Amino acid sequence: KELTGRYTAQVTTDILPPGMKTVPNIPAGDDNYHMTALLPIRQEMVLYSIQPHMHLRGRSMKYTAVYPDGREEELMNLPHYDFNWQIVYEFAKPITLPAGTIVRVDARWDNSANNKYNPRPDQDVYWGEQSWDEMFSPIMRAVVKLKEPIMPTAPVEVSSVR
């Protein structure tokens, strides 16, 4: 299954269309449920960090940059996701992603009895904010250049407090 654009990364339920969630129901017993998010980069950006976020059934998450020329670069591969390690991974050297790049994020979940952290392997799991629910939030922290500087439209009055 693929998700694109605004249906991924840091999207909350209050701005999604009615009934739409970022993770569809993961069937009970499925030990390798897979989803791919495609995040189009519409304007050049400098990527500083990545923070994969899933819950107790999260198994793995891999970020790959697919550049406009077709070249692929693995940005991060977390083959053994652990809910107890919700870490922000900062790059030693920031990565410039040109406009037209697509960041592909492949994620897998284990909703089976083989997952010792799974509280209910006999039940489908749904999107939710609680740890026993599931999420797919491939968080990326980046900076884009403003096309035009932000200038105040009226004089700014500055006062001091003594």
C-alpha atoms as a PDB file:
ATOM      1  CA  LYS A   1       0.000   0.000   0.000  1.00  0.00           C
ATOM      2  CA  GLU A   2       1.255   3.511  -0.661  1.00  0.00           C
ATOM      3  CA  LEU A   3       0.488   6.809   1.020  1.00  0.00           C
ATOM      4  CA  THR A   4       1.504  10.123  -0.460  1.00  0.00           C
ATOM      5  CA  GLY A   5       1.865  13.734   0.570  1.00  0.00           C
ATOM      6  CA  ARG A   6      -0.323  15.014   3.370  1.00  0.00           C
ATOM      7  CA  TYR A   7      -1.490  11.578   4.495  1.00  0.00           C
ATOM      8  CA  THR A   8       1.807  10.848   6.214  1.00  0.00           C
ATOM      9  CA  ALA A   9       4.328  12.337   8.635  1.00  0.00           C
ATOM     10  CA  GLN A  10       2.909  14.373  11.464  1.00  0.00           C
ATOM     11  CA  VAL A  11      -0.612  14.495  10.070  1.00  0.00           C
ATOM     12  CA  THR A  12      -3.246  14.472  12.768  1.00  0.00           C
ATOM     13  CA  THR A  13      -6.749  13.103  12.491  1.00  0.00           C
ATOM     14  CA  ASP A  14      -8.413  16.487  12.719  1.00  0.00           C
ATOM     15  CA  ILE A  15      -7.164  17.569   9.271  1.00  0.00           C
ATOM     16  CA  LEU A  16      -7.646  14.286   7.429  1.00  0.00           C
ATOM     17  CA  PRO A  17     -10.754  13.554   5.374  1.00  0.00           C
ATOM     18  CA  PRO A  18     -13.435  11.789   7.422  1.00  0.00           C
ATOM     19  CA  GLY A  19     -12.474   8.188   8.097  1.00  0.00           C
ATOM     20  CA  MET A  20      -8.904   8.534   6.745  1.00  0.00           C
ATOM     21  CA  LYS A  21      -6.028   7.460   8.998  1.00  0.00           C
ATOM     22  CA  THR A  22      -2.292   7.222   8.388  1.00  0.00           C
ATOM     23  CA  VAL A  23      -2.171   3.458   9.010  1.00  0.00           C
ATOM     24  CA  PRO A  24      -4.893   1.155   7.705  1.00  0.00           C
ATOM     25  CA  ASN A  25      -5.988  -1.728   9.877  1.00  0.00           C
ATOM     26  CA  ILE A  26      -3.200  -4.268  10.348  1.00  0.00           C
ATOM     27  CA  PRO A  27      -4.679  -7.787  10.317  1.00  0.00           C
ATOM     28  CA  ALA A  28      -4.372 -10.005  13.381  1.00  0.00           C
ATOM     29  CA  GLY A  29      -1.506 -12.475  13.068  1.00  0.00           C
ATOM     30  CA  ASP A  30       0.246 -10.623  10.216  1.00  0.00           C
ATOM     31  CA  ASP A  31       3.951 -10.773  11.059  1.00  0.00           C
ATOM     32  CA  ASN A  32       5.176  -8.653   8.131  1.00  0.00           C
ATOM     33  CA  TYR A  33       2.601  -5.993   7.265  1.00  0.00           C
ATOM     34  CA  HIS A  34       4.185  -3.499   4.842  1.00  0.00           C
ATOM     35  CA  MET A  35       3.415   0.064   3.791  1.00  0.00           C
ATOM     36  CA  THR A  36       5.321   2.596   1.715  1.00  0.00           C
ATOM     37  CA  ALA A  37       5.009   6.362   2.043  1.00  0.00           C
ATOM     38  CA  LEU A  38       6.119   8.564  -0.860  1.00  0.00           C
ATOM     39  CA  LEU A  39       7.060  12.060   0.281  1.00  0.00           C
ATOM     40  CA  PRO A  40       7.577  14.390  -2.703  1.00  0.00           C
ATOM     41  CA  ILE A  41      10.097  17.191  -2.218  1.00  0.00           C
ATOM     42  CA  ARG A  42       8.672  20.166  -4.110  1.00  0.00           C
ATOM     43  CA  GLN A  43      11.339  22.687  -3.133  1.00  0.00           C
ATOM     44  CA  GLU A  44      15.029  22.159  -2.367  1.00  0.00           C
ATOM     45  CA  MET A  45      15.559  21.450   1.304  1.00  0.00           C
ATOM     46  CA  VAL A  46      18.375  20.660   3.679  1.00  0.00           C
ATOM     47  CA  LEU A  47      17.606  17.589   5.779  1.00  0.00           C
ATOM     48  CA  TYR A  48      19.030  17.656   9.302  1.00  0.00           C
ATOM     49  CA  SER A  49      17.422  14.720  11.078  1.00  0.00           C
ATOM     50  CA  ILE A  50      15.014  11.797  10.861  1.00  0.00           C
ATOM     51  CA  GLN A  51      12.796  10.394  13.598  1.00  0.00           C
ATOM     52  CA  PRO A  52      10.924   7.204  12.788  1.00  0.00           C
ATOM     53  CA  HIS A  53       7.802   6.774  14.912  1.00  0.00           C
ATOM     54  CA  MET A  54       5.678   3.652  15.286  1.00  0.00           C
ATOM     55  CA  HIS A  55       4.212   1.854  18.270  1.00  0.00           C
ATOM     56  CA  LEU A  56       4.560  -1.620  19.828  1.00  0.00           C
ATOM     57  CA  ARG A  57       4.104  -3.557  16.581  1.00  0.00           C
ATOM     58  CA  GLY A  58       6.637  -1.506  14.625  1.00  0.00           C
ATOM     59  CA  ARG A  59       9.238  -3.770  13.044  1.00  0.00           C
ATOM     60  CA  SER A  60      11.375  -1.681  10.684  1.00  0.00           C
ATOM     61  CA  MET A  61      11.554   1.620   8.836  1.00  0.00           C
ATOM     62  CA  LYS A  62      13.823   2.576   5.944  1.00  0.00           C
ATOM     63  CA  TYR A  63      14.146   6.030   4.322  1.00  0.00           C
ATOM     64  CA  THR A  64      15.457   6.250   0.733  1.00  0.00           C
ATOM     65  CA  ALA A  65      15.938   9.413  -1.339  1.00  0.00           C
ATOM     66  CA  VAL A  66      15.071   8.896  -5.013  1.00  0.00           C
ATOM     67  CA  TYR A  67      16.682  11.836  -6.807  1.00  0.00           C
ATOM     68  CA  PRO A  68      15.317  13.394 -10.012  1.00  0.00           C
ATOM     69  CA  ASP A  69      18.080  11.676 -12.043  1.00  0.00           C
ATOM     70  CA  GLY A  70      16.912   8.251 -10.763  1.00  0.00           C
ATOM     71  CA  ARG A  71      19.821   7.735  -8.385  1.00  0.00           C
ATOM     72  CA  GLU A  72      18.846   6.308  -4.969  1.00  0.00           C
ATOM     73  CA  GLU A  73      20.483   7.015  -1.612  1.00  0.00           C
ATOM     74  CA  GLU A  74      19.633   5.246   1.613  1.00  0.00           C
ATOM     75  CA  LEU A  75      19.141   7.955   4.222  1.00  0.00           C
ATOM     76  CA  MET A  76      18.461   5.663   7.158  1.00  0.00           C
ATOM     77  CA  ASN A  77      17.718   1.993   7.678  1.00  0.00           C
ATOM     78  CA  LEU A  78      16.341   0.852  11.017  1.00  0.00           C
ATOM     79  CA  PRO A  79      15.877  -2.909  10.535  1.00  0.00           C
ATOM     80  CA  HIS A  80      14.986  -3.617  14.190  1.00  0.00           C
ATOM     81  CA  TYR A  81      12.654  -0.849  15.342  1.00  0.00           C
ATOM     82  CA  ASP A  82      12.202  -0.686  19.113  1.00  0.00           C
ATOM     83  CA  PHE A  83       9.373   1.384  20.600  1.00  0.00           C
ATOM     84  CA  ASN A  84      11.541   2.052  23.663  1.00  0.00           C
ATOM     85  CA  TRP A  85      14.114   3.863  21.504  1.00  0.00           C
ATOM     86  CA  GLN A  86      12.270   6.871  20.095  1.00  0.00           C
ATOM     87  CA  ILE A  87      15.374   8.620  18.879  1.00  0.00           C
ATOM     88  CA  VAL A  88      16.023  11.610  16.648  1.00  0.00           C
ATOM     89  CA  TYR A  89      18.825  10.606  14.285  1.00  0.00           C
ATOM     90  CA  GLU A  90      20.847  13.697  13.358  1.00  0.00           C
ATOM     91  CA  PHE A  91      23.077  13.585  10.288  1.00  0.00           C
ATOM     92  CA  ALA A  92      26.767  14.359  10.853  1.00  0.00           C
ATOM     93  CA  LYS A  93      26.536  16.358   7.626  1.00  0.00           C
ATOM     94  CA  PRO A  94      23.114  17.687   6.531  1.00  0.00           C
ATOM     95  CA  ILE A  95      21.793  16.313   3.241  1.00  0.00           C
ATOM     96  CA  THR A  96      20.526  18.570   0.460  1.00  0.00           C
ATOM     97  CA  LEU A  97      17.456  17.155  -1.268  1.00  0.00           C
ATOM     98  CA  PRO A  98      16.757  18.944  -4.573  1.00  0.00           C
ATOM     99  CA  ALA A  99      13.235  19.695  -5.784  1.00  0.00           C
ATOM    100  CA  GLY A 100      11.832  16.671  -7.566  1.00  0.00           C
ATOM    101  CA  THR A 101      13.316  14.191  -5.093  1.00  0.00           C
ATOM    102  CA  ILE A 102      10.968  11.627  -3.606  1.00  0.00           C
ATOM    103  CA  VAL A 103      11.678  10.244  -0.165  1.00  0.00           C
ATOM    104  CA  ARG A 104      10.387   6.676  -0.020  1.00  0.00           C
ATOM    105  CA  VAL A 105       9.757   5.319   3.453  1.00  0.00           C
ATOM    106  CA  ASP A 106       9.198   1.580   3.764  1.00  0.00           C
ATOM    107  CA  ALA A 107       7.755   0.392   7.072  1.00  0.00           C
ATOM    108  CA  ARG A 108       6.841  -3.008   8.449  1.00  0.00           C
ATOM    109  CA  TRP A 109       4.828  -4.149  11.463  1.00  0.00           C
ATOM    110  CA  ASP A 110       4.571  -7.454  13.309  1.00  0.00           C
ATOM    111  CA  ASN A 111       1.037  -8.031  14.610  1.00  0.00           C
ATOM    112  CA  SER A 112       1.652 -11.693  15.436  1.00  0.00           C
ATOM    113  CA  ALA A 113       2.182 -13.694  18.618  1.00  0.00           C
ATOM    114  CA  ASN A 114       5.908 -13.819  17.690  1.00  0.00           C
ATOM    115  CA  ASN A 115       6.171 -10.142  18.693  1.00  0.00           C
ATOM    116  CA  LYS A 116       6.692 -10.282  22.472  1.00  0.00           C
ATOM    117  CA  TYR A 117       5.592  -6.628  22.792  1.00  0.00           C
ATOM    118  CA  ASN A 118       2.276  -7.163  20.994  1.00  0.00           C
ATOM    119  CA  PRO A 119      -0.510  -6.782  23.563  1.00  0.00           C
ATOM    120  CA  ARG A 120      -3.242  -8.306  21.337  1.00  0.00           C
ATOM    121  CA  PRO A 121      -1.890 -10.525  18.510  1.00  0.00           C
ATOM    122  CA  ASP A 122      -5.346 -12.036  17.984  1.00  0.00           C
ATOM    123  CA  GLN A 123      -6.918  -8.659  17.040  1.00  0.00           C
ATOM    124  CA  ASP A 124      -6.640  -6.280  14.102  1.00  0.00           C
ATOM    125  CA  VAL A 125      -4.819  -3.106  15.108  1.00  0.00           C
ATOM    126  CA  TYR A 126      -6.015   0.378  14.151  1.00  0.00           C
ATOM    127  CA  TRP A 127      -4.466   3.812  13.953  1.00  0.00           C
ATOM    128  CA  GLY A 128      -4.446   5.580  17.296  1.00  0.00           C
ATOM    129  CA  GLU A 129      -2.425   7.640  19.703  1.00  0.00           C
ATOM    130  CA  GLN A 130      -2.170   4.996  22.426  1.00  0.00           C
ATOM    131  CA  SER A 131       0.801   2.611  22.489  1.00  0.00           C
ATOM    132  CA  TRP A 132      -1.499  -0.396  21.939  1.00  0.00           C
ATOM    133  CA  ASP A 133      -2.738   1.264  18.711  1.00  0.00           C
ATOM    134  CA  GLU A 134      -0.400   1.898  15.772  1.00  0.00           C
ATOM    135  CA  MET A 135       1.153   4.810  13.908  1.00  0.00           C
ATOM    136  CA  PHE A 136       3.289   5.459  10.854  1.00  0.00           C
ATOM    137  CA  SER A 137       5.063   8.787  11.273  1.00  0.00           C
ATOM    138  CA  PRO A 138       8.233   9.048   9.188  1.00  0.00           C
ATOM    139  CA  ILE A 139       9.274  12.386  10.687  1.00  0.00           C
ATOM    140  CA  MET A 140      11.902  14.460   8.881  1.00  0.00           C
ATOM    141  CA  ARG A 141      13.332  17.786  10.068  1.00  0.00           C
ATOM    142  CA  ALA A 142      14.548  20.045   7.295  1.00  0.00           C
ATOM    143  CA  VAL A 143      14.925  23.674   6.300  1.00  0.00           C
ATOM    144  CA  VAL A 144      13.819  25.289   3.038  1.00  0.00           C
ATOM    145  CA  LYS A 145      14.876  28.673   1.734  1.00  0.00           C
ATOM    146  CA  LEU A 146      12.181  31.307   1.559  1.00  0.00           C
ATOM    147  CA  LYS A 147      11.432  32.368  -1.997  1.00  0.00           C
ATOM    148  CA  GLU A 148      11.127  35.939  -0.751  1.00  0.00           C
ATOM    149  CA  PRO A 149      12.202  37.328   2.600  1.00  0.00           C
ATOM    150  CA  ILE A 150       9.410  37.976   5.069  1.00  0.00           C
ATOM    151  CA  MET A 151       9.121  41.699   5.606  1.00  0.00           C
ATOM    152  CA  PRO A 152       6.668  43.383   7.938  1.00  0.00           C
ATOM    153  CA  THR A 153       3.878  45.190   6.097  1.00  0.00           C
ATOM    154  CA  ALA A 154       3.775  47.954   8.697  1.00  0.00           C
ATOM    155  CA  PRO A 155       6.401  49.467  10.944  1.00  0.00           C
ATOM    156  CA  VAL A 156       7.139  47.291  13.941  1.00  0.00           C
ATOM    157  CA  GLU A 157       6.974  49.050  17.283  1.00  0.00           C
ATOM    158  CA  VAL A 158       9.376  47.787  19.879  1.00  0.00           C
ATOM    159  CA  SER A 159       8.894  48.657  23.538  1.00  0.00           C
ATOM    160  CA  SER A 160      11.012  47.822  26.487  1.00  0.00           C
ATOM    161  CA  VAL A 161       9.954  46.853  29.954  1.00  0.00           C
ATOM    162  CA  ARG A 162      11.834  48.310  32.913  1.00  0.00           C
END
